[in-house]
Amino acid sequence: RPYRETPAYQHIVAAFRAHRVTSEKLCRARQELHFQAATYLCLLRSVRQHAALHREYHGRGERSPEEVAGLVGFRLPQQPGGKG
């Protein structure tokens, strides 16, 4: 779904339109809105990163110890006598 249809985007646009700067009396409110927009941007980026990490690492059932070790960049030691 396009980002322009998301509730967060619509809220930010409505807030900016409601607080258009017409004089320096609203300077503080303008800075507050920029901070709020930056906060929403951080939230949206974090949600996307979380979704990507969730898709990559979330449960595909039980994993073998070898597979888990490979996820974090390790190898399991070989057992003496050829076991493992």
C-alpha atoms as a PDB file:
ATOM      1  CA  ARG A   1       0.000   0.000   0.000  1.00  0.00           C
ATOM      2  CA  PRO A   2       1.364   3.436  -0.871  1.00  0.00           C
ATOM      3  CA  TYR A   3       2.908   5.395   1.994  1.00  0.00           C
ATOM      4  CA  ARG A   4       0.552   8.318   1.316  1.00  0.00           C
ATOM      5  CA  GLU A   5      -2.338   6.144   2.472  1.00  0.00           C
ATOM      6  CA  THR A   6      -0.790   5.292   5.832  1.00  0.00           C
ATOM      7  CA  PRO A   7      -2.261   6.863   8.960  1.00  0.00           C
ATOM      8  CA  ALA A   8       1.152   8.153  10.108  1.00  0.00           C
ATOM      9  CA  TYR A   9       1.720  10.036   6.842  1.00  0.00           C
ATOM     10  CA  GLN A  10      -1.783  11.501   6.863  1.00  0.00           C
ATOM     11  CA  HIS A  11      -1.357  12.629  10.478  1.00  0.00           C
ATOM     12  CA  ILE A  12       1.935  14.392   9.744  1.00  0.00           C
ATOM     13  CA  VAL A  13       0.543  16.163   6.674  1.00  0.00           C
ATOM     14  CA  ALA A  14      -2.526  17.290   8.615  1.00  0.00           C
ATOM     15  CA  ALA A  15      -0.353  18.568  11.473  1.00  0.00           C
ATOM     16  CA  PHE A  16       1.886  20.544   9.115  1.00  0.00           C
ATOM     17  CA  ARG A  17      -1.115  22.060   7.347  1.00  0.00           C
ATOM     18  CA  ALA A  18      -2.731  22.997  10.652  1.00  0.00           C
ATOM     19  CA  HIS A  19       0.438  24.707  11.916  1.00  0.00           C
ATOM     20  CA  ARG A  20       1.611  26.614   8.854  1.00  0.00           C
ATOM     21  CA  VAL A  21       4.056  29.302   9.823  1.00  0.00           C
ATOM     22  CA  THR A  22       2.540  32.750   9.342  1.00  0.00           C
ATOM     23  CA  SER A  23       4.671  34.658  11.848  1.00  0.00           C
ATOM     24  CA  GLU A  24       7.628  34.098  14.146  1.00  0.00           C
ATOM     25  CA  LYS A  25       5.213  33.495  17.029  1.00  0.00           C
ATOM     26  CA  LEU A  26       4.786  29.969  15.682  1.00  0.00           C
ATOM     27  CA  CYS A  27       8.509  29.253  15.398  1.00  0.00           C
ATOM     28  CA  ARG A  28       8.480  26.983  18.449  1.00  0.00           C
ATOM     29  CA  ALA A  29       5.528  24.992  17.112  1.00  0.00           C
ATOM     30  CA  ARG A  30       7.299  24.641  13.759  1.00  0.00           C
ATOM     31  CA  GLN A  31      10.405  23.210  15.449  1.00  0.00           C
ATOM     32  CA  GLU A  32       8.202  20.860  17.416  1.00  0.00           C
ATOM     33  CA  LEU A  33       6.552  19.633  14.213  1.00  0.00           C
ATOM     34  CA  HIS A  34       9.931  19.032  12.592  1.00  0.00           C
ATOM     35  CA  PHE A  35      10.975  17.009  15.643  1.00  0.00           C
ATOM     36  CA  GLN A  36       7.712  15.059  15.497  1.00  0.00           C
ATOM     37  CA  ALA A  37       8.215  14.352  11.777  1.00  0.00           C
ATOM     38  CA  ALA A  38      11.785  13.172  12.410  1.00  0.00           C
ATOM     39  CA  THR A  39      10.498  10.918  15.188  1.00  0.00           C
ATOM     40  CA  TYR A  40       7.893   9.375  12.862  1.00  0.00           C
ATOM     41  CA  LEU A  41      10.554   8.854  10.203  1.00  0.00           C
ATOM     42  CA  CYS A  42      12.728   7.035  12.742  1.00  0.00           C
ATOM     43  CA  LEU A  43       9.735   4.904  13.740  1.00  0.00           C
ATOM     44  CA  LEU A  44       8.924   3.973  10.142  1.00  0.00           C
ATOM     45  CA  ARG A  45      12.555   3.059   9.381  1.00  0.00           C
ATOM     46  CA  SER A  46      12.754   0.977  12.543  1.00  0.00           C
ATOM     47  CA  VAL A  47       9.534  -0.866  11.698  1.00  0.00           C
ATOM     48  CA  ARG A  48      10.911  -1.705   8.239  1.00  0.00           C
ATOM     49  CA  GLN A  49      14.204  -2.947   9.704  1.00  0.00           C
ATOM     50  CA  HIS A  50      12.341  -5.022  12.280  1.00  0.00           C
ATOM     51  CA  ALA A  51      10.172  -6.592   9.578  1.00  0.00           C
ATOM     52  CA  ALA A  52      13.247  -7.474   7.499  1.00  0.00           C
ATOM     53  CA  LEU A  53      15.018  -9.028  10.495  1.00  0.00           C
ATOM     54  CA  HIS A  54      11.860 -10.879  11.488  1.00  0.00           C
ATOM     55  CA  ARG A  55      11.503 -12.377   7.993  1.00  0.00           C
ATOM     56  CA  GLU A  56      15.150 -13.444   7.973  1.00  0.00           C
ATOM     57  CA  TYR A  57      15.495 -14.944  11.431  1.00  0.00           C
ATOM     58  CA  HIS A  58      12.036 -15.827  12.731  1.00  0.00           C
ATOM     59  CA  GLY A  59      10.929 -19.363  13.318  1.00  0.00           C
ATOM     60  CA  ARG A  60      11.093 -21.862  10.569  1.00  0.00           C
ATOM     61  CA  GLY A  61      10.731 -24.529  13.191  1.00  0.00           C
ATOM     62  CA  GLU A  62      13.554 -26.107  15.147  1.00  0.00           C
ATOM     63  CA  ARG A  63      17.042 -25.534  13.822  1.00  0.00           C
ATOM     64  CA  SER A  64      19.958 -27.871  14.192  1.00  0.00           C
ATOM     65  CA  PRO A  65      22.904 -26.764  16.346  1.00  0.00           C
ATOM     66  CA  GLU A  66      25.028 -26.530  13.182  1.00  0.00           C
ATOM     67  CA  GLU A  67      22.520 -24.182  11.526  1.00  0.00           C
ATOM     68  CA  VAL A  68      22.280 -21.978  14.624  1.00  0.00           C
ATOM     69  CA  ALA A  69      26.073 -21.788  14.851  1.00  0.00           C
ATOM     70  CA  GLY A  70      26.212 -20.808  11.175  1.00  0.00           C
ATOM     71  CA  LEU A  71      23.750 -17.950  11.760  1.00  0.00           C
ATOM     72  CA  VAL A  72      26.162 -16.265  14.146  1.00  0.00           C
ATOM     73  CA  GLY A  73      29.310 -17.141  12.193  1.00  0.00           C
ATOM     74  CA  PHE A  74      30.614 -20.098  14.172  1.00  0.00           C
ATOM     75  CA  ARG A  75      31.374 -23.714  13.325  1.00  0.00           C
ATOM     76  CA  LEU A  76      30.893 -26.546  15.732  1.00  0.00           C
ATOM     77  CA  PRO A  77      34.066 -28.484  16.619  1.00  0.00           C
ATOM     78  CA  GLN A  78      34.552 -31.926  15.119  1.00  0.00           C
ATOM     79  CA  GLN A  79      34.296 -34.878  17.480  1.00  0.00           C
ATOM     80  CA  PRO A  80      37.311 -37.183  17.738  1.00  0.00           C
ATOM     81  CA  GLY A  81      36.887 -40.463  15.956  1.00  0.00           C
ATOM     82  CA  GLY A  82      34.858 -38.976  13.104  1.00  0.00           C
ATOM     83  CA  LYS A  83      31.657 -38.431  15.099  1.00  0.00           C
ATOM     84  CA  GLY A  84      29.904 -35.211  14.121  1.00  0.00           C
END
